[in-house]
Amino acid sequence: MSEGITVINEKVKKESAFVEALKMEISKTIIGQKDLIDRLLIGLLANGHILIEGVPGLAKTLSVSVLSQAIKTKFQRLQFTPDLLPADLIGTLIYNPKEGSFSVKKGPIFANIILADEINRAPAKVQSALLEAMQERQVTIGEETFKLDNPFLVLATQNPIEQEGTYPLPEAQLDRFMLKVNVTYPSWQDEHKILKSMSFTDKKIKVENIVTPDDIIRARGVVDEVYLDEKIEKYILDVVFATRDPQKYKLNDLVELIQYGASPRASICLTLAAKAYAFIQGRGYVTPQDVKSVGFDVLRHRIAVSYEAEAQEKTSEGIIKRVFEEIEVP
């Protein structure tokens, strides 16, 4: 088995060589936000969509735009508004009176990287159209079904401070996002660097193409090969099951705080994200720390807290922290 891990390790080191070059290219424009950039790469490598939450001005949109330029992919930014229609997203049928027939006009969703800006400002029909495309990797216009390009990654943003005129995503739809990333303010030092490098009226930084979509697809094949020991598999399942049946894991204080725990999709996403994280680190095997590193992003939107928890001002993050503290690390 150790020989097999050695082979995978060498393969990962070779195929992940582009990761550092990609990060360096992104860092020319994006200062700080290391965790966000890592999570964007995890989503890309693990073929999972990401929900990004943060106040305005934290470079959420810019990070996604720079990433798409560095990967040489087709990028579409969609500003979600209350009057948006599903046809504005996926496309529609156009009637040609001369020929008496309909032709398909594809919408902006036919791209590699989609930025759904302020997804919670669009009504349920539009959210459903986007989330169906995310799940099925295809859309239907009229009677025709069209496969979406590969890679296909949806990065949706939410503003946590303005809730007027919004349509919050239901938990079942939130579950389709592999990760939910909370973007925070940069440090004083990072913001000083931002101030010195960005305080110009007309400054444009050229982003070089580092990798191609084919490179990403090939890297995904290697991510699938990253070794996951049975003890790590058990650890992942114990973490997820502890959110459903905390009493079984001697987390009696959480019983009244959890309305319902993480779904089976959480186990799959936690495994894939941990493998992608190990790949980014240049390793061919997953460690318990890899699981912990991505655990909050995978689980924070998959645990519904009870009224008792809200009354006590307890959050899903606090619950996840307790679970990771209590579950035995292999």
C-alpha atoms as a PDB file:
ATOM      1  CA  MET A   1       0.000   0.000   0.000  1.00  0.00           C
ATOM      2  CA  SER A   2       2.869   2.383   0.871  1.00  0.00           C
ATOM      3  CA  GLU A   3       4.289   1.907  -2.644  1.00  0.00           C
ATOM      4  CA  GLY A   4       0.900   2.868  -4.079  1.00  0.00           C
ATOM      5  CA  ILE A   5       0.784   6.022  -1.946  1.00  0.00           C
ATOM      6  CA  THR A   6       4.315   6.931  -3.056  1.00  0.00           C
ATOM      7  CA  VAL A   7       3.264   6.656  -6.705  1.00  0.00           C
ATOM      8  CA  ILE A   8       0.151   8.803  -6.108  1.00  0.00           C
ATOM      9  CA  ASN A   9       2.262  11.299  -4.151  1.00  0.00           C
ATOM     10  CA  GLU A  10       4.688  11.725  -7.054  1.00  0.00           C
ATOM     11  CA  LYS A  11       1.803  12.040  -9.505  1.00  0.00           C
ATOM     12  CA  VAL A  12       0.151  14.730  -7.369  1.00  0.00           C
ATOM     13  CA  LYS A  13       3.405  16.691  -7.002  1.00  0.00           C
ATOM     14  CA  LYS A  14       3.797  16.680 -10.779  1.00  0.00           C
ATOM     15  CA  GLU A  15       0.183  17.562 -11.651  1.00  0.00           C
ATOM     16  CA  SER A  16      -0.226  20.177  -8.885  1.00  0.00           C
ATOM     17  CA  ALA A  17       2.784  22.194 -10.018  1.00  0.00           C
ATOM     18  CA  PHE A  18       0.471  24.764 -11.611  1.00  0.00           C
ATOM     19  CA  VAL A  19      -1.253  25.550  -8.274  1.00  0.00           C
ATOM     20  CA  GLU A  20       1.494  27.796  -6.896  1.00  0.00           C
ATOM     21  CA  ALA A  21       1.905  29.559 -10.249  1.00  0.00           C
ATOM     22  CA  LEU A  22      -1.858  30.135 -10.365  1.00  0.00           C
ATOM     23  CA  LYS A  23      -1.924  31.500  -6.809  1.00  0.00           C
ATOM     24  CA  MET A  24       0.988  33.835  -7.573  1.00  0.00           C
ATOM     25  CA  GLU A  25      -0.764  35.173 -10.669  1.00  0.00           C
ATOM     26  CA  ILE A  26      -3.975  35.785  -8.711  1.00  0.00           C
ATOM     27  CA  SER A  27      -2.051  37.449  -5.864  1.00  0.00           C
ATOM     28  CA  LYS A  28      -0.815  40.129  -8.287  1.00  0.00           C
ATOM     29  CA  THR A  29      -4.349  41.525  -8.175  1.00  0.00           C
ATOM     30  CA  ILE A  30      -5.883  40.010  -5.035  1.00  0.00           C
ATOM     31  CA  ILE A  31      -4.009  40.873  -1.842  1.00  0.00           C
ATOM     32  CA  GLY A  32      -4.736  38.652   1.137  1.00  0.00           C
ATOM     33  CA  GLN A  33      -7.915  36.499   0.967  1.00  0.00           C
ATOM     34  CA  LYS A  34      -5.751  33.356   0.923  1.00  0.00           C
ATOM     35  CA  ASP A  35      -8.582  31.202   2.269  1.00  0.00           C
ATOM     36  CA  LEU A  36     -10.994  32.435  -0.412  1.00  0.00           C
ATOM     37  CA  ILE A  37      -8.509  31.680  -3.191  1.00  0.00           C
ATOM     38  CA  ASP A  38      -7.842  28.204  -1.764  1.00  0.00           C
ATOM     39  CA  ARG A  39     -11.584  27.523  -1.611  1.00  0.00           C
ATOM     40  CA  LEU A  40     -12.074  28.675  -5.193  1.00  0.00           C
ATOM     41  CA  LEU A  41      -9.385  26.208  -6.271  1.00  0.00           C
ATOM     42  CA  ILE A  42     -10.968  23.439  -4.188  1.00  0.00           C
ATOM     43  CA  GLY A  43     -14.317  24.036  -5.901  1.00  0.00           C
ATOM     44  CA  LEU A  44     -12.635  24.004  -9.290  1.00  0.00           C
ATOM     45  CA  LEU A  45     -10.672  20.801  -8.617  1.00  0.00           C
ATOM     46  CA  ALA A  46     -13.466  18.970  -6.799  1.00  0.00           C
ATOM     47  CA  ASN A  47     -16.136  20.001  -9.337  1.00  0.00           C
ATOM     48  CA  GLY A  48     -18.246  21.683  -6.668  1.00  0.00           C
ATOM     49  CA  HIS A  49     -20.070  25.010  -6.579  1.00  0.00           C
ATOM     50  CA  ILE A  50     -19.406  27.660  -3.952  1.00  0.00           C
ATOM     51  CA  LEU A  51     -21.571  30.137  -2.064  1.00  0.00           C
ATOM     52  CA  ILE A  52     -19.561  33.177  -0.951  1.00  0.00           C
ATOM     53  CA  GLU A  53     -20.899  35.407   1.804  1.00  0.00           C
ATOM     54  CA  GLY A  54     -19.357  38.717   2.755  1.00  0.00           C
ATOM     55  CA  VAL A  55     -20.006  42.435   2.977  1.00  0.00           C
ATOM     56  CA  PRO A  56     -19.439  44.584  -0.142  1.00  0.00           C
ATOM     57  CA  GLY A  57     -15.903  45.556  -1.133  1.00  0.00           C
ATOM     58  CA  LEU A  58     -14.040  42.381  -0.146  1.00  0.00           C
ATOM     59  CA  ALA A  59     -12.960  41.481  -3.729  1.00  0.00           C
ATOM     60  CA  LYS A  60     -15.408  38.583  -4.110  1.00  0.00           C
ATOM     61  CA  THR A  61     -16.288  39.467  -7.708  1.00  0.00           C
ATOM     62  CA  LEU A  62     -12.727  40.474  -8.564  1.00  0.00           C
ATOM     63  CA  SER A  63     -11.311  37.181  -7.226  1.00  0.00           C
ATOM     64  CA  VAL A  64     -13.642  35.167  -9.437  1.00  0.00           C
ATOM     65  CA  SER A  65     -12.905  37.348 -12.476  1.00  0.00           C
ATOM     66  CA  VAL A  66      -9.122  37.078 -12.001  1.00  0.00           C
ATOM     67  CA  LEU A  67      -9.379  33.309 -11.499  1.00  0.00           C
ATOM     68  CA  SER A  68     -11.266  32.897 -14.787  1.00  0.00           C
ATOM     69  CA  GLN A  69      -8.676  34.994 -16.636  1.00  0.00           C
ATOM     70  CA  ALA A  70      -5.802  32.969 -15.193  1.00  0.00           C
ATOM     71  CA  ILE A  71      -7.479  29.736 -16.302  1.00  0.00           C
ATOM     72  CA  LYS A  72      -8.405  31.073 -19.756  1.00  0.00           C
ATOM     73  CA  THR A  73     -12.064  30.193 -19.419  1.00  0.00           C
ATOM     74  CA  LYS A  74     -15.292  31.838 -20.453  1.00  0.00           C
ATOM     75  CA  PHE A  75     -16.601  33.930 -17.548  1.00  0.00           C
ATOM     76  CA  GLN A  76     -20.066  35.407 -17.060  1.00  0.00           C
ATOM     77  CA  ARG A  77     -21.112  37.738 -14.277  1.00  0.00           C
ATOM     78  CA  LEU A  78     -24.853  37.764 -13.615  1.00  0.00           C
ATOM     79  CA  GLN A  79     -26.326  40.460 -11.399  1.00  0.00           C
ATOM     80  CA  PHE A  80     -29.355  38.869  -9.769  1.00  0.00           C
ATOM     81  CA  THR A  81     -32.298  41.240  -9.295  1.00  0.00           C
ATOM     82  CA  PRO A  82     -35.963  40.785  -8.265  1.00  0.00           C
ATOM     83  CA  ASP A  83     -37.174  41.254 -11.866  1.00  0.00           C
ATOM     84  CA  LEU A  84     -34.827  38.633 -13.363  1.00  0.00           C
ATOM     85  CA  LEU A  85     -36.511  35.795 -15.298  1.00  0.00           C
ATOM     86  CA  PRO A  86     -35.296  32.207 -15.846  1.00  0.00           C
ATOM     87  CA  ALA A  87     -35.042  32.982 -19.597  1.00  0.00           C
ATOM     88  CA  ASP A  88     -32.553  35.776 -18.771  1.00  0.00           C
ATOM     89  CA  LEU A  89     -30.344  33.071 -17.316  1.00  0.00           C
ATOM     90  CA  ILE A  90     -30.677  29.924 -19.417  1.00  0.00           C
ATOM     91  CA  GLY A  91     -31.965  31.402 -22.700  1.00  0.00           C
ATOM     92  CA  THR A  92     -35.209  31.180 -24.642  1.00  0.00           C
ATOM     93  CA  LEU A  93     -36.861  30.362 -27.974  1.00  0.00           C
ATOM     94  CA  ILE A  94     -36.991  33.140 -30.576  1.00  0.00           C
ATOM     95  CA  TYR A  95     -39.746  33.040 -33.206  1.00  0.00           C
ATOM     96  CA  ASN A  96     -38.710  33.667 -36.814  1.00  0.00           C
ATOM     97  CA  PRO A  97     -41.839  34.919 -38.692  1.00  0.00           C
ATOM     98  CA  LYS A  98     -40.268  34.476 -42.148  1.00  0.00           C
ATOM     99  CA  GLU A  99     -39.594  30.791 -41.640  1.00  0.00           C
ATOM    100  CA  GLY A 100     -42.433  30.228 -39.204  1.00  0.00           C
ATOM    101  CA  SER A 101     -40.110  28.424 -36.786  1.00  0.00           C
ATOM    102  CA  PHE A 102     -38.388  28.873 -33.446  1.00  0.00           C
ATOM    103  CA  SER A 103     -34.656  29.092 -32.884  1.00  0.00           C
ATOM    104  CA  VAL A 104     -32.763  28.755 -29.616  1.00  0.00           C
ATOM    105  CA  LYS A 105     -31.030  31.766 -28.121  1.00  0.00           C
ATOM    106  CA  LYS A 106     -28.687  30.522 -25.412  1.00  0.00           C
ATOM    107  CA  GLY A 107     -28.379  32.503 -22.202  1.00  0.00           C
ATOM    108  CA  PRO A 108     -25.293  33.571 -20.256  1.00  0.00           C
ATOM    109  CA  ILE A 109     -25.235  30.332 -18.253  1.00  0.00           C
ATOM    110  CA  PHE A 110     -23.376  28.738 -21.174  1.00  0.00           C
ATOM    111  CA  ALA A 111     -19.936  29.591 -19.801  1.00  0.00           C
ATOM    112  CA  ASN A 112     -17.265  27.856 -17.705  1.00  0.00           C
ATOM    113  CA  ILE A 113     -17.348  30.077 -14.630  1.00  0.00           C
ATOM    114  CA  ILE A 114     -20.577  31.785 -13.574  1.00  0.00           C
ATOM    115  CA  LEU A 115     -20.667  34.486 -10.932  1.00  0.00           C
ATOM    116  CA  ALA A 116     -24.219  34.750  -9.587  1.00  0.00           C
ATOM    117  CA  ASP A 117     -23.920  38.079  -7.804  1.00  0.00           C
ATOM    118  CA  GLU A 118     -26.336  38.446  -4.869  1.00  0.00           C
ATOM    119  CA  ILE A 119     -28.191  35.234  -5.674  1.00  0.00           C
ATOM    120  CA  ASN A 120     -30.700  35.843  -2.875  1.00  0.00           C
ATOM    121  CA  ARG A 121     -32.074  38.937  -4.664  1.00  0.00           C
ATOM    122  CA  ALA A 122     -33.636  36.837  -7.447  1.00  0.00           C
ATOM    123  CA  PRO A 123     -37.023  35.093  -7.045  1.00  0.00           C
ATOM    124  CA  ALA A 124     -37.354  31.352  -6.463  1.00  0.00           C
ATOM    125  CA  LYS A 125     -37.893  30.458 -10.141  1.00  0.00           C
ATOM    126  CA  VAL A 126     -34.555  31.969 -11.158  1.00  0.00           C
ATOM    127  CA  GLN A 127     -32.738  30.395  -8.222  1.00  0.00           C
ATOM    128  CA  SER A 128     -34.243  27.020  -9.151  1.00  0.00           C
ATOM    129  CA  ALA A 129     -33.206  27.391 -12.801  1.00  0.00           C
ATOM    130  CA  LEU A 130     -29.619  28.066 -11.735  1.00  0.00           C
ATOM    131  CA  LEU A 131     -29.504  25.329  -9.125  1.00  0.00           C
ATOM    132  CA  GLU A 132     -30.961  22.777 -11.553  1.00  0.00           C
ATOM    133  CA  ALA A 133     -28.192  23.619 -14.013  1.00  0.00           C
ATOM    134  CA  MET A 134     -25.667  23.222 -11.190  1.00  0.00           C
ATOM    135  CA  GLN A 135     -26.966  19.774 -10.281  1.00  0.00           C
ATOM    136  CA  GLU A 136     -27.667  18.325 -13.728  1.00  0.00           C
ATOM    137  CA  ARG A 137     -24.932  20.195 -15.647  1.00  0.00           C
ATOM    138  CA  GLN A 138     -27.519  20.770 -18.374  1.00  0.00           C
ATOM    139  CA  VAL A 139     -30.456  23.037 -19.218  1.00  0.00           C
ATOM    140  CA  THR A 140     -33.623  22.529 -21.227  1.00  0.00           C
ATOM    141  CA  ILE A 141     -34.897  25.221 -23.586  1.00  0.00           C
ATOM    142  CA  GLY A 142     -38.179  24.311 -25.220  1.00  0.00           C
ATOM    143  CA  GLU A 143     -37.897  20.625 -26.102  1.00  0.00           C
ATOM    144  CA  GLU A 144     -34.110  20.602 -26.443  1.00  0.00           C
ATOM    145  CA  THR A 145     -31.632  19.740 -23.714  1.00  0.00           C
ATOM    146  CA  PHE A 146     -28.153  21.246 -23.850  1.00  0.00           C
ATOM    147  CA  LYS A 147     -25.108  20.025 -21.938  1.00  0.00           C
ATOM    148  CA  LEU A 148     -23.124  22.749 -20.218  1.00  0.00           C
ATOM    149  CA  ASP A 149     -19.437  23.241 -20.838  1.00  0.00           C
ATOM    150  CA  ASN A 150     -16.841  21.429 -18.748  1.00  0.00           C
ATOM    151  CA  PRO A 151     -15.510  22.700 -16.404  1.00  0.00           C
ATOM    152  CA  PHE A 152     -18.666  24.390 -15.139  1.00  0.00           C
ATOM    153  CA  LEU A 153     -18.440  26.222 -11.827  1.00  0.00           C
ATOM    154  CA  VAL A 154     -21.058  28.439 -10.181  1.00  0.00           C
ATOM    155  CA  LEU A 155     -19.842  30.955  -7.624  1.00  0.00           C
ATOM    156  CA  ALA A 156     -22.766  32.672  -5.950  1.00  0.00           C
ATOM    157  CA  THR A 157     -22.470  35.627  -3.584  1.00  0.00           C
ATOM    158  CA  GLN A 158     -24.687  36.821  -0.746  1.00  0.00           C
ATOM    159  CA  ASN A 159     -24.620  40.021   1.257  1.00  0.00           C
ATOM    160  CA  PRO A 160     -25.215  39.194   4.953  1.00  0.00           C
ATOM    161  CA  ILE A 161     -26.123  42.724   6.055  1.00  0.00           C
ATOM    162  CA  GLU A 162     -29.014  43.682   3.736  1.00  0.00           C
ATOM    163  CA  GLN A 163     -32.056  41.438   3.842  1.00  0.00           C
ATOM    164  CA  GLU A 164     -34.685  43.785   2.376  1.00  0.00           C
ATOM    165  CA  GLY A 165     -35.992  42.602  -0.983  1.00  0.00           C
ATOM    166  CA  THR A 166     -34.249  39.241  -0.775  1.00  0.00           C
ATOM    167  CA  TYR A 167     -35.418  35.663  -1.290  1.00  0.00           C
ATOM    168  CA  PRO A 168     -33.310  33.496   1.037  1.00  0.00           C
ATOM    169  CA  LEU A 169     -32.186  30.180  -0.420  1.00  0.00           C
ATOM    170  CA  PRO A 170     -34.065  27.207   1.071  1.00  0.00           C
ATOM    171  CA  GLU A 171     -31.930  24.653   2.908  1.00  0.00           C
ATOM    172  CA  ALA A 172     -32.527  22.022   0.197  1.00  0.00           C
ATOM    173  CA  GLN A 173     -31.037  24.379  -2.395  1.00  0.00           C
ATOM    174  CA  LEU A 174     -28.202  25.488  -0.126  1.00  0.00           C
ATOM    175  CA  ASP A 175     -27.223  21.826   0.163  1.00  0.00           C
ATOM    176  CA  ARG A 176     -26.253  21.799  -3.520  1.00  0.00           C
ATOM    177  CA  PHE A 177     -23.329  24.104  -2.850  1.00  0.00           C
ATOM    178  CA  MET A 178     -20.217  22.137  -1.962  1.00  0.00           C
ATOM    179  CA  LEU A 179     -18.810  25.004   0.135  1.00  0.00           C
ATOM    180  CA  LYS A 180     -20.126  28.088   1.835  1.00  0.00           C
ATOM    181  CA  VAL A 181     -17.241  30.507   2.362  1.00  0.00           C
ATOM    182  CA  ASN A 182     -17.447  33.445   4.749  1.00  0.00           C
ATOM    183  CA  VAL A 183     -15.191  36.249   3.526  1.00  0.00           C
ATOM    184  CA  THR A 184     -13.907  38.553   6.251  1.00  0.00           C
ATOM    185  CA  TYR A 185     -12.118  41.905   6.272  1.00  0.00           C
ATOM    186  CA  PRO A 186      -8.391  41.861   5.403  1.00  0.00           C
ATOM    187  CA  SER A 187      -5.767  42.380   8.097  1.00  0.00           C
ATOM    188  CA  TRP A 188      -4.312  45.861   8.723  1.00  0.00           C
ATOM    189  CA  GLN A 189      -1.116  44.868   6.897  1.00  0.00           C
ATOM    190  CA  ASP A 190      -3.002  43.462   3.897  1.00  0.00           C
ATOM    191  CA  GLU A 191      -5.252  46.502   3.663  1.00  0.00           C
ATOM    192  CA  HIS A 192      -2.175  48.737   3.763  1.00  0.00           C
ATOM    193  CA  LYS A 193      -0.794  46.818   0.761  1.00  0.00           C
ATOM    194  CA  ILE A 194      -4.167  47.169  -0.994  1.00  0.00           C
ATOM    195  CA  LEU A 195      -4.142  50.911  -0.328  1.00  0.00           C
ATOM    196  CA  LYS A 196      -0.625  51.339  -1.738  1.00  0.00           C
ATOM    197  CA  SER A 197      -1.193  49.196  -4.834  1.00  0.00           C
ATOM    198  CA  MET A 198      -4.801  50.082  -5.736  1.00  0.00           C
ATOM    199  CA  SER A 199      -5.113  53.801  -4.920  1.00  0.00           C
ATOM    200  CA  PHE A 200      -4.866  54.895  -8.548  1.00  0.00           C
ATOM    201  CA  THR A 201      -7.603  56.238 -10.802  1.00  0.00           C
ATOM    202  CA  ASP A 202      -6.721  54.045 -13.765  1.00  0.00           C
ATOM    203  CA  LYS A 203      -4.653  51.026 -12.877  1.00  0.00           C
ATOM    204  CA  LYS A 204      -5.067  47.769 -14.748  1.00  0.00           C
ATOM    205  CA  ILE A 205      -3.087  44.634 -13.964  1.00  0.00           C
ATOM    206  CA  LYS A 206      -2.769  42.188 -16.812  1.00  0.00           C
ATOM    207  CA  VAL A 207      -3.568  38.621 -15.767  1.00  0.00           C
ATOM    208  CA  GLU A 208      -1.621  35.942 -17.634  1.00  0.00           C
ATOM    209  CA  ASN A 209      -3.130  32.594 -18.624  1.00  0.00           C
ATOM    210  CA  ILE A 210      -1.504  29.992 -16.383  1.00  0.00           C
ATOM    211  CA  VAL A 211      -3.588  26.881 -17.071  1.00  0.00           C
ATOM    212  CA  THR A 212      -6.265  25.746 -19.501  1.00  0.00           C
ATOM    213  CA  PRO A 213      -9.613  24.034 -18.861  1.00  0.00           C
ATOM    214  CA  ASP A 214      -8.034  20.779 -20.076  1.00  0.00           C
ATOM    215  CA  ASP A 215      -5.372  21.087 -17.361  1.00  0.00           C
ATOM    216  CA  ILE A 216      -8.111  21.440 -14.752  1.00  0.00           C
ATOM    217  CA  ILE A 217     -10.019  18.425 -16.060  1.00  0.00           C
ATOM    218  CA  ARG A 218      -6.807  16.356 -16.021  1.00  0.00           C
ATOM    219  CA  ALA A 219      -6.045  17.532 -12.475  1.00  0.00           C
ATOM    220  CA  ARG A 220      -9.519  16.433 -11.364  1.00  0.00           C
ATOM    221  CA  GLY A 221      -8.652  12.892 -12.447  1.00  0.00           C
ATOM    222  CA  VAL A 222      -5.604  12.989 -10.154  1.00  0.00           C
ATOM    223  CA  VAL A 223      -7.668  14.428  -7.275  1.00  0.00           C
ATOM    224  CA  ASP A 224      -9.895  11.336  -7.546  1.00  0.00           C
ATOM    225  CA  GLU A 225      -6.797   9.166  -7.056  1.00  0.00           C
ATOM    226  CA  VAL A 226      -5.706  10.906  -3.833  1.00  0.00           C
ATOM    227  CA  TYR A 227      -5.494   8.195  -1.155  1.00  0.00           C
ATOM    228  CA  LEU A 228      -8.144   8.193   1.574  1.00  0.00           C
ATOM    229  CA  ASP A 229      -7.497   5.755   4.406  1.00  0.00           C
ATOM    230  CA  GLU A 230     -10.421   3.862   5.946  1.00  0.00           C
ATOM    231  CA  LYS A 231      -9.710   5.574   9.279  1.00  0.00           C
ATOM    232  CA  ILE A 232     -10.188   8.962   7.590  1.00  0.00           C
ATOM    233  CA  GLU A 233     -13.395   7.718   5.968  1.00  0.00           C
ATOM    234  CA  LYS A 234     -14.663   6.710   9.420  1.00  0.00           C
ATOM    235  CA  TYR A 235     -13.618  10.105  10.804  1.00  0.00           C
ATOM    236  CA  ILE A 236     -15.586  11.931   8.094  1.00  0.00           C
ATOM    237  CA  LEU A 237     -18.679   9.806   8.717  1.00  0.00           C
ATOM    238  CA  ASP A 238     -18.417  10.272  12.489  1.00  0.00           C
ATOM    239  CA  VAL A 239     -18.231  14.061  12.064  1.00  0.00           C
ATOM    240  CA  VAL A 240     -21.315  14.110   9.813  1.00  0.00           C
ATOM    241  CA  PHE A 241     -23.301  11.639  11.937  1.00  0.00           C
ATOM    242  CA  ALA A 242     -22.499  13.619  15.090  1.00  0.00           C
ATOM    243  CA  THR A 243     -24.513  16.506  13.612  1.00  0.00           C
ATOM    244  CA  ARG A 244     -27.532  14.177  13.239  1.00  0.00           C
ATOM    245  CA  ASP A 245     -27.294  12.172  16.461  1.00  0.00           C
ATOM    246  CA  PRO A 246     -25.115  14.176  18.860  1.00  0.00           C
ATOM    247  CA  GLN A 247     -26.239  12.103  21.878  1.00  0.00           C
ATOM    248  CA  LYS A 248     -24.582   9.006  20.423  1.00  0.00           C
ATOM    249  CA  TYR A 249     -21.271  10.872  20.386  1.00  0.00           C
ATOM    250  CA  LYS A 250     -21.670  12.226  23.948  1.00  0.00           C
ATOM    251  CA  LEU A 251     -22.522  15.699  22.682  1.00  0.00           C
ATOM    252  CA  ASN A 252     -25.628  15.999  24.838  1.00  0.00           C
ATOM    253  CA  ASP A 253     -25.356  19.790  24.961  1.00  0.00           C
ATOM    254  CA  LEU A 254     -25.997  19.929  21.197  1.00  0.00           C
ATOM    255  CA  VAL A 255     -29.199  17.846  21.151  1.00  0.00           C
ATOM    256  CA  GLU A 256     -31.520  20.819  21.704  1.00  0.00           C
ATOM    257  CA  LEU A 257     -29.487  23.116  19.445  1.00  0.00           C
ATOM    258  CA  ILE A 258     -29.691  21.168  16.166  1.00  0.00           C
ATOM    259  CA  GLN A 259     -32.956  21.101  14.219  1.00  0.00           C
ATOM    260  CA  TYR A 260     -31.482  18.738  11.659  1.00  0.00           C
ATOM    261  CA  GLY A 261     -27.969  17.709  10.752  1.00  0.00           C
ATOM    262  CA  ALA A 262     -25.886  17.419   7.594  1.00  0.00           C
ATOM    263  CA  SER A 263     -27.138  15.343   4.662  1.00  0.00           C
ATOM    264  CA  PRO A 264     -25.317  12.432   2.952  1.00  0.00           C
ATOM    265  CA  ARG A 265     -24.188  14.982   0.371  1.00  0.00           C
ATOM    266  CA  ALA A 266     -22.086  16.496   3.179  1.00  0.00           C
ATOM    267  CA  SER A 267     -20.100  13.248   3.521  1.00  0.00           C
ATOM    268  CA  ILE A 268     -19.417  13.207  -0.221  1.00  0.00           C
ATOM    269  CA  CYS A 269     -18.484  16.902  -0.351  1.00  0.00           C
ATOM    270  CA  LEU A 270     -16.268  16.656   2.731  1.00  0.00           C
ATOM    271  CA  THR A 271     -14.392  13.756   1.126  1.00  0.00           C
ATOM    272  CA  LEU A 272     -13.977  15.486  -2.245  1.00  0.00           C
ATOM    273  CA  ALA A 273     -12.994  18.819  -0.687  1.00  0.00           C
ATOM    274  CA  ALA A 274     -10.434  17.136   1.601  1.00  0.00           C
ATOM    275  CA  LYS A 275      -8.907  15.345  -1.400  1.00  0.00           C
ATOM    276  CA  ALA A 276      -8.730  18.606  -3.378  1.00  0.00           C
ATOM    277  CA  TYR A 277      -7.183  20.378  -0.374  1.00  0.00           C
ATOM    278  CA  ALA A 278      -4.516  17.657  -0.100  1.00  0.00           C
ATOM    279  CA  PHE A 279      -3.857  18.053  -3.850  1.00  0.00           C
ATOM    280  CA  ILE A 280      -3.375  21.817  -3.424  1.00  0.00           C
ATOM    281  CA  GLN A 281      -0.849  21.069  -0.666  1.00  0.00           C
ATOM    282  CA  GLY A 282       1.006  18.761  -3.076  1.00  0.00           C
ATOM    283  CA  ARG A 283       0.132  15.565  -1.179  1.00  0.00           C
ATOM    284  CA  GLY A 284      -1.277  12.307  -2.497  1.00  0.00           C
ATOM    285  CA  TYR A 285      -3.082  11.365   0.731  1.00  0.00           C
ATOM    286  CA  VAL A 286      -5.663  12.955   3.031  1.00  0.00           C
ATOM    287  CA  THR A 287      -4.899  13.772   6.671  1.00  0.00           C
ATOM    288  CA  PRO A 288      -7.371  14.536   9.490  1.00  0.00           C
ATOM    289  CA  GLN A 289      -6.183  18.158   9.350  1.00  0.00           C
ATOM    290  CA  ASP A 290      -7.302  18.359   5.708  1.00  0.00           C
ATOM    291  CA  VAL A 291     -10.794  17.334   6.825  1.00  0.00           C
ATOM    292  CA  LYS A 292     -10.777  19.950   9.601  1.00  0.00           C
ATOM    293  CA  SER A 293      -9.475  22.641   7.251  1.00  0.00           C
ATOM    294  CA  VAL A 294     -12.433  22.325   4.884  1.00  0.00           C
ATOM    295  CA  GLY A 295     -14.977  21.066   7.430  1.00  0.00           C
ATOM    296  CA  PHE A 296     -16.451  24.430   8.397  1.00  0.00           C
ATOM    297  CA  ASP A 297     -16.957  25.456   4.750  1.00  0.00           C
ATOM    298  CA  VAL A 298     -18.642  22.139   3.911  1.00  0.00           C
ATOM    299  CA  LEU A 299     -20.892  21.965   6.970  1.00  0.00           C
ATOM    300  CA  ARG A 300     -21.836  25.529   8.019  1.00  0.00           C
ATOM    301  CA  HIS A 301     -24.785  25.765   5.600  1.00  0.00           C
ATOM    302  CA  ARG A 302     -25.904  22.163   6.090  1.00  0.00           C
ATOM    303  CA  ILE A 303     -26.762  22.322   9.786  1.00  0.00           C
ATOM    304  CA  ALA A 304     -30.060  23.963  10.725  1.00  0.00           C
ATOM    305  CA  VAL A 305     -30.047  25.344  14.240  1.00  0.00           C
ATOM    306  CA  SER A 306     -33.139  25.182  16.457  1.00  0.00           C
ATOM    307  CA  TYR A 307     -35.113  28.027  18.003  1.00  0.00           C
ATOM    308  CA  GLU A 308     -33.366  27.244  21.290  1.00  0.00           C
ATOM    309  CA  ALA A 309     -29.992  27.784  19.599  1.00  0.00           C
ATOM    310  CA  GLU A 310     -31.124  31.095  18.116  1.00  0.00           C
ATOM    311  CA  ALA A 311     -32.414  32.213  21.511  1.00  0.00           C
ATOM    312  CA  GLN A 312     -28.998  31.400  23.007  1.00  0.00           C
ATOM    313  CA  GLU A 313     -27.259  33.057  20.021  1.00  0.00           C
ATOM    314  CA  LYS A 314     -25.617  29.768  19.080  1.00  0.00           C
ATOM    315  CA  THR A 315     -24.535  29.298  15.451  1.00  0.00           C
ATOM    316  CA  SER A 316     -23.835  26.339  13.202  1.00  0.00           C
ATOM    317  CA  GLU A 317     -20.147  27.257  13.356  1.00  0.00           C
ATOM    318  CA  GLY A 318     -20.122  26.854  17.139  1.00  0.00           C
ATOM    319  CA  ILE A 319     -21.790  23.454  16.734  1.00  0.00           C
ATOM    320  CA  ILE A 320     -19.209  22.346  14.147  1.00  0.00           C
ATOM    321  CA  LYS A 321     -16.405  23.493  16.449  1.00  0.00           C
ATOM    322  CA  ARG A 322     -17.795  21.363  19.279  1.00  0.00           C
ATOM    323  CA  VAL A 323     -18.121  18.343  16.964  1.00  0.00           C
ATOM    324  CA  PHE A 324     -14.504  18.601  15.807  1.00  0.00           C
ATOM    325  CA  GLU A 325     -13.353  19.013  19.422  1.00  0.00           C
ATOM    326  CA  GLU A 326     -15.195  15.894  20.572  1.00  0.00           C
ATOM    327  CA  ILE A 327     -14.795  13.417  17.691  1.00  0.00           C
ATOM    328  CA  GLU A 328     -11.668  11.329  18.131  1.00  0.00           C
ATOM    329  CA  VAL A 329      -8.986  12.075  15.527  1.00  0.00           C
ATOM    330  CA  PRO A 330      -7.496   8.961  13.896  1.00  0.00           C
END
